[in-house]
């Protein structure tokens, strides 16, 4: 068996980002099925769904009309992209408090190269937990994330995807 490659990447992916920001901003939306998208246009598409909406089978890319059929009580929220950018900036700043951000992959995903003193499984996992706790504490408790740690950036992204809550 070949020797195990050292862990080199930490990949952070915010869960249901746009919907989570809306729930963070409006406590009345917490625990309810919400979608971010053009609620008044049946042919429009959902750009994010809360976990409560996902329980009804609603997902990113679904047509609004289909989503409303699956969940008549679905609440449409959001659309002010400046708010998502503000939260993004706060999240990036929080990650920087723990580790340098190597690459901002999207508004809700970042890749960080682990330093040599951080690449043991124990230290990398502890770092991931500190980042997630810092985001909850300093940015918002509705903003959950998945973190993957691996020898390559691609594998770390795949590991983060595997950490997502199970789909309903």
C-alpha atoms as a PDB file:
ATOM      1  CA  UNK A   1       0.000   0.000   0.000  1.00  0.00           C
ATOM      2  CA  UNK A   2       1.472   3.403  -0.961  1.00  0.00           C
ATOM      3  CA  UNK A   3       2.188   5.877   1.843  1.00  0.00           C
ATOM      4  CA  UNK A   4      -0.666   8.199   2.731  1.00  0.00           C
ATOM      5  CA  UNK A   5      -0.380  11.687   1.241  1.00  0.00           C
ATOM      6  CA  UNK A   6      -0.412  14.548   3.750  1.00  0.00           C
ATOM      7  CA  UNK A   7      -3.519  16.671   4.127  1.00  0.00           C
ATOM      8  CA  UNK A   8      -2.967  19.931   2.246  1.00  0.00           C
ATOM      9  CA  UNK A   9      -6.408  21.507   1.677  1.00  0.00           C
ATOM     10  CA  UNK A  10      -9.376  22.637   3.705  1.00  0.00           C
ATOM     11  CA  UNK A  11     -12.498  23.400   1.661  1.00  0.00           C
ATOM     12  CA  UNK A  12     -15.384  25.305   3.270  1.00  0.00           C
ATOM     13  CA  UNK A  13     -18.828  25.231   1.658  1.00  0.00           C
ATOM     14  CA  UNK A  14     -21.723  27.153   3.228  1.00  0.00           C
ATOM     15  CA  UNK A  15     -24.944  25.129   3.354  1.00  0.00           C
ATOM     16  CA  UNK A  16     -28.057  26.516   1.635  1.00  0.00           C
ATOM     17  CA  UNK A  17     -26.243  29.839   1.669  1.00  0.00           C
ATOM     18  CA  UNK A  18     -28.795  32.308   0.290  1.00  0.00           C
ATOM     19  CA  UNK A  19     -31.683  30.742   2.233  1.00  0.00           C
ATOM     20  CA  UNK A  20     -29.568  30.655   5.405  1.00  0.00           C
ATOM     21  CA  UNK A  21     -28.728  34.353   5.048  1.00  0.00           C
ATOM     22  CA  UNK A  22     -32.444  35.112   4.741  1.00  0.00           C
ATOM     23  CA  UNK A  23     -33.164  33.081   7.875  1.00  0.00           C
ATOM     24  CA  UNK A  24     -30.346  34.848   9.691  1.00  0.00           C
ATOM     25  CA  UNK A  25     -31.712  38.259   8.745  1.00  0.00           C
ATOM     26  CA  UNK A  26     -35.343  37.426   9.501  1.00  0.00           C
ATOM     27  CA  UNK A  27     -35.876  35.198  12.562  1.00  0.00           C
ATOM     28  CA  UNK A  28     -39.529  34.689  11.545  1.00  0.00           C
ATOM     29  CA  UNK A  29     -38.285  32.583   8.616  1.00  0.00           C
ATOM     30  CA  UNK A  30     -36.343  30.142  10.789  1.00  0.00           C
ATOM     31  CA  UNK A  31     -37.725  26.636  10.822  1.00  0.00           C
ATOM     32  CA  UNK A  32     -39.943  27.341   7.798  1.00  0.00           C
ATOM     33  CA  UNK A  33     -39.669  26.185   4.193  1.00  0.00           C
ATOM     34  CA  UNK A  34     -38.220  29.104   2.274  1.00  0.00           C
ATOM     35  CA  UNK A  35     -36.850  29.537  -1.205  1.00  0.00           C
ATOM     36  CA  UNK A  36     -34.824  32.273  -2.795  1.00  0.00           C
ATOM     37  CA  UNK A  37     -35.993  33.001  -6.302  1.00  0.00           C
ATOM     38  CA  UNK A  38     -38.630  34.871  -8.289  1.00  0.00           C
ATOM     39  CA  UNK A  39     -41.735  33.683  -6.418  1.00  0.00           C
ATOM     40  CA  UNK A  40     -44.144  35.451  -8.751  1.00  0.00           C
ATOM     41  CA  UNK A  41     -42.817  33.811 -11.934  1.00  0.00           C
ATOM     42  CA  UNK A  42     -43.845  30.145 -12.284  1.00  0.00           C
ATOM     43  CA  UNK A  43     -41.172  29.531 -14.929  1.00  0.00           C
ATOM     44  CA  UNK A  44     -38.437  31.115 -12.792  1.00  0.00           C
ATOM     45  CA  UNK A  45     -35.945  28.938 -10.937  1.00  0.00           C
ATOM     46  CA  UNK A  46     -35.062  28.488  -7.292  1.00  0.00           C
ATOM     47  CA  UNK A  47     -31.501  29.620  -6.477  1.00  0.00           C
ATOM     48  CA  UNK A  48     -31.552  28.269  -2.901  1.00  0.00           C
ATOM     49  CA  UNK A  49     -33.842  26.351  -0.586  1.00  0.00           C
ATOM     50  CA  UNK A  50     -33.792  26.027   3.187  1.00  0.00           C
ATOM     51  CA  UNK A  51     -33.452  22.551   4.670  1.00  0.00           C
ATOM     52  CA  UNK A  52     -37.110  22.790   5.636  1.00  0.00           C
ATOM     53  CA  UNK A  53     -37.972  23.303   1.943  1.00  0.00           C
ATOM     54  CA  UNK A  54     -35.609  20.532   0.880  1.00  0.00           C
ATOM     55  CA  UNK A  55     -37.686  18.149   3.001  1.00  0.00           C
ATOM     56  CA  UNK A  56     -40.433  18.673   0.375  1.00  0.00           C
ATOM     57  CA  UNK A  57     -38.022  17.841  -2.460  1.00  0.00           C
ATOM     58  CA  UNK A  58     -37.373  21.459  -3.371  1.00  0.00           C
ATOM     59  CA  UNK A  59     -33.869  22.104  -4.691  1.00  0.00           C
ATOM     60  CA  UNK A  60     -31.712  24.622  -6.495  1.00  0.00           C
ATOM     61  CA  UNK A  61     -32.655  24.868 -10.156  1.00  0.00           C
ATOM     62  CA  UNK A  62     -36.248  23.726  -9.650  1.00  0.00           C
ATOM     63  CA  UNK A  63     -38.957  25.742 -11.375  1.00  0.00           C
ATOM     64  CA  UNK A  64     -40.971  27.969  -9.045  1.00  0.00           C
ATOM     65  CA  UNK A  65     -44.271  26.489 -10.230  1.00  0.00           C
ATOM     66  CA  UNK A  66     -43.148  22.946  -9.363  1.00  0.00           C
ATOM     67  CA  UNK A  67     -41.836  24.091  -5.985  1.00  0.00           C
ATOM     68  CA  UNK A  68     -45.192  25.696  -5.135  1.00  0.00           C
ATOM     69  CA  UNK A  69     -46.988  22.458  -6.044  1.00  0.00           C
ATOM     70  CA  UNK A  70     -44.727  20.429  -3.783  1.00  0.00           C
ATOM     71  CA  UNK A  71     -44.963  22.890  -0.906  1.00  0.00           C
ATOM     72  CA  UNK A  72     -47.928  25.286  -1.035  1.00  0.00           C
ATOM     73  CA  UNK A  73     -46.731  26.976   2.178  1.00  0.00           C
ATOM     74  CA  UNK A  74     -43.318  27.745   0.625  1.00  0.00           C
ATOM     75  CA  UNK A  75     -42.180  31.276   1.459  1.00  0.00           C
ATOM     76  CA  UNK A  76     -40.194  33.216  -1.117  1.00  0.00           C
ATOM     77  CA  UNK A  77     -37.611  35.550   0.361  1.00  0.00           C
ATOM     78  CA  UNK A  78     -34.526  37.403  -0.658  1.00  0.00           C
ATOM     79  CA  UNK A  79     -33.160  38.684  -3.846  1.00  0.00           C
ATOM     80  CA  UNK A  80     -31.087  41.549  -2.416  1.00  0.00           C
ATOM     81  CA  UNK A  81     -27.677  40.341  -3.514  1.00  0.00           C
ATOM     82  CA  UNK A  82     -25.851  43.093  -1.637  1.00  0.00           C
ATOM     83  CA  UNK A  83     -26.842  41.339   1.610  1.00  0.00           C
ATOM     84  CA  UNK A  84     -25.316  38.079   0.399  1.00  0.00           C
ATOM     85  CA  UNK A  85     -22.130  39.932  -0.467  1.00  0.00           C
ATOM     86  CA  UNK A  86     -21.987  41.508   2.989  1.00  0.00           C
ATOM     87  CA  UNK A  87     -22.288  38.095   4.666  1.00  0.00           C
ATOM     88  CA  UNK A  88     -19.699  36.686   2.260  1.00  0.00           C
ATOM     89  CA  UNK A  89     -17.231  39.384   3.309  1.00  0.00           C
ATOM     90  CA  UNK A  90     -17.858  38.611   6.991  1.00  0.00           C
ATOM     91  CA  UNK A  91     -17.372  34.880   6.405  1.00  0.00           C
ATOM     92  CA  UNK A  92     -14.118  35.415   4.517  1.00  0.00           C
ATOM     93  CA  UNK A  93     -12.865  37.668   7.328  1.00  0.00           C
ATOM     94  CA  UNK A  94     -13.742  34.997   9.880  1.00  0.00           C
ATOM     95  CA  UNK A  95     -11.921  32.279   7.940  1.00  0.00           C
ATOM     96  CA  UNK A  96      -8.863  34.589   7.701  1.00  0.00           C
ATOM     97  CA  UNK A  97      -8.836  34.778  11.521  1.00  0.00           C
ATOM     98  CA  UNK A  98      -7.987  31.071  11.519  1.00  0.00           C
ATOM     99  CA  UNK A  99      -6.129  30.386   8.257  1.00  0.00           C
ATOM    100  CA  UNK A 100      -5.156  32.267   5.098  1.00  0.00           C
ATOM    101  CA  UNK A 101      -7.737  31.987   2.324  1.00  0.00           C
ATOM    102  CA  UNK A 102      -5.972  30.648  -0.740  1.00  0.00           C
ATOM    103  CA  UNK A 103      -8.873  30.886  -3.175  1.00  0.00           C
ATOM    104  CA  UNK A 104     -12.415  32.240  -3.027  1.00  0.00           C
ATOM    105  CA  UNK A 105     -14.201  29.730  -5.250  1.00  0.00           C
ATOM    106  CA  UNK A 106     -17.667  31.316  -5.144  1.00  0.00           C
ATOM    107  CA  UNK A 107     -19.818  33.441  -2.859  1.00  0.00           C
ATOM    108  CA  UNK A 108     -20.252  30.452  -0.535  1.00  0.00           C
ATOM    109  CA  UNK A 109     -17.087  28.377  -1.028  1.00  0.00           C
ATOM    110  CA  UNK A 110     -13.429  28.915  -0.116  1.00  0.00           C
ATOM    111  CA  UNK A 111     -10.302  26.793  -0.355  1.00  0.00           C
ATOM    112  CA  UNK A 112      -7.454  27.127   2.116  1.00  0.00           C
ATOM    113  CA  UNK A 113      -4.025  25.543   1.906  1.00  0.00           C
ATOM    114  CA  UNK A 114      -3.111  23.936   5.196  1.00  0.00           C
ATOM    115  CA  UNK A 115       0.208  24.925   6.721  1.00  0.00           C
ATOM    116  CA  UNK A 116       2.687  22.192   7.643  1.00  0.00           C
ATOM    117  CA  UNK A 117       1.772  22.455  11.330  1.00  0.00           C
ATOM    118  CA  UNK A 118      -1.960  22.057  10.500  1.00  0.00           C
ATOM    119  CA  UNK A 119      -1.955  19.029   8.225  1.00  0.00           C
ATOM    120  CA  UNK A 120      -2.326  16.204  10.708  1.00  0.00           C
ATOM    121  CA  UNK A 121      -5.892  14.864  10.815  1.00  0.00           C
ATOM    122  CA  UNK A 122      -6.351  15.963  14.419  1.00  0.00           C
ATOM    123  CA  UNK A 123      -5.143  19.529  13.870  1.00  0.00           C
ATOM    124  CA  UNK A 124      -7.012  19.937  10.576  1.00  0.00           C
ATOM    125  CA  UNK A 125     -10.273  18.731  12.151  1.00  0.00           C
ATOM    126  CA  UNK A 126      -9.764  21.035  15.144  1.00  0.00           C
ATOM    127  CA  UNK A 127      -9.140  23.938  12.741  1.00  0.00           C
ATOM    128  CA  UNK A 128     -12.327  23.140  10.799  1.00  0.00           C
ATOM    129  CA  UNK A 129     -14.320  23.081  14.037  1.00  0.00           C
ATOM    130  CA  UNK A 130     -12.876  26.450  15.109  1.00  0.00           C
ATOM    131  CA  UNK A 131     -13.768  28.017  11.749  1.00  0.00           C
ATOM    132  CA  UNK A 132     -17.329  26.677  11.855  1.00  0.00           C
ATOM    133  CA  UNK A 133     -17.768  27.837  15.455  1.00  0.00           C
ATOM    134  CA  UNK A 134     -16.345  31.271  14.588  1.00  0.00           C
ATOM    135  CA  UNK A 135     -18.808  31.674  11.718  1.00  0.00           C
ATOM    136  CA  UNK A 136     -21.738  30.715  13.961  1.00  0.00           C
ATOM    137  CA  UNK A 137     -20.573  33.016  16.756  1.00  0.00           C
ATOM    138  CA  UNK A 138     -19.349  36.035  14.775  1.00  0.00           C
ATOM    139  CA  UNK A 139     -21.403  35.987  11.577  1.00  0.00           C
ATOM    140  CA  UNK A 140     -24.627  34.149  12.360  1.00  0.00           C
ATOM    141  CA  UNK A 141     -25.874  30.936  13.896  1.00  0.00           C
ATOM    142  CA  UNK A 142     -28.058  30.135  10.860  1.00  0.00           C
ATOM    143  CA  UNK A 143     -24.941  29.924   8.672  1.00  0.00           C
ATOM    144  CA  UNK A 144     -23.859  26.315   8.787  1.00  0.00           C
ATOM    145  CA  UNK A 145     -21.086  24.920   6.655  1.00  0.00           C
ATOM    146  CA  UNK A 146     -19.532  21.716   5.461  1.00  0.00           C
ATOM    147  CA  UNK A 147     -15.772  21.289   5.514  1.00  0.00           C
ATOM    148  CA  UNK A 148     -13.665  18.832   3.594  1.00  0.00           C
ATOM    149  CA  UNK A 149     -10.007  18.145   4.313  1.00  0.00           C
ATOM    150  CA  UNK A 150      -7.847  16.206   1.865  1.00  0.00           C
ATOM    151  CA  UNK A 151      -4.490  16.025   0.062  1.00  0.00           C
ATOM    152  CA  UNK A 152      -5.874  17.861  -2.996  1.00  0.00           C
ATOM    153  CA  UNK A 153      -8.313  20.721  -3.457  1.00  0.00           C
ATOM    154  CA  UNK A 154     -10.649  18.605  -5.591  1.00  0.00           C
ATOM    155  CA  UNK A 155     -10.775  15.840  -2.989  1.00  0.00           C
ATOM    156  CA  UNK A 156     -11.352  18.412  -0.238  1.00  0.00           C
ATOM    157  CA  UNK A 157     -14.291  19.840  -2.206  1.00  0.00           C
ATOM    158  CA  UNK A 158     -15.707  16.357  -2.692  1.00  0.00           C
ATOM    159  CA  UNK A 159     -15.273  15.657   1.026  1.00  0.00           C
ATOM    160  CA  UNK A 160     -17.139  18.895   1.861  1.00  0.00           C
ATOM    161  CA  UNK A 161     -19.980  17.804  -0.430  1.00  0.00           C
ATOM    162  CA  UNK A 162     -20.119  14.490   1.428  1.00  0.00           C
ATOM    163  CA  UNK A 163     -20.532  16.375   4.718  1.00  0.00           C
ATOM    164  CA  UNK A 164     -23.779  18.036   3.605  1.00  0.00           C
ATOM    165  CA  UNK A 165     -26.922  17.106   5.479  1.00  0.00           C
ATOM    166  CA  UNK A 166     -28.670  14.158   3.889  1.00  0.00           C
ATOM    167  CA  UNK A 167     -31.169  15.125   1.218  1.00  0.00           C
ATOM    168  CA  UNK A 168     -34.760  14.236   1.908  1.00  0.00           C
END
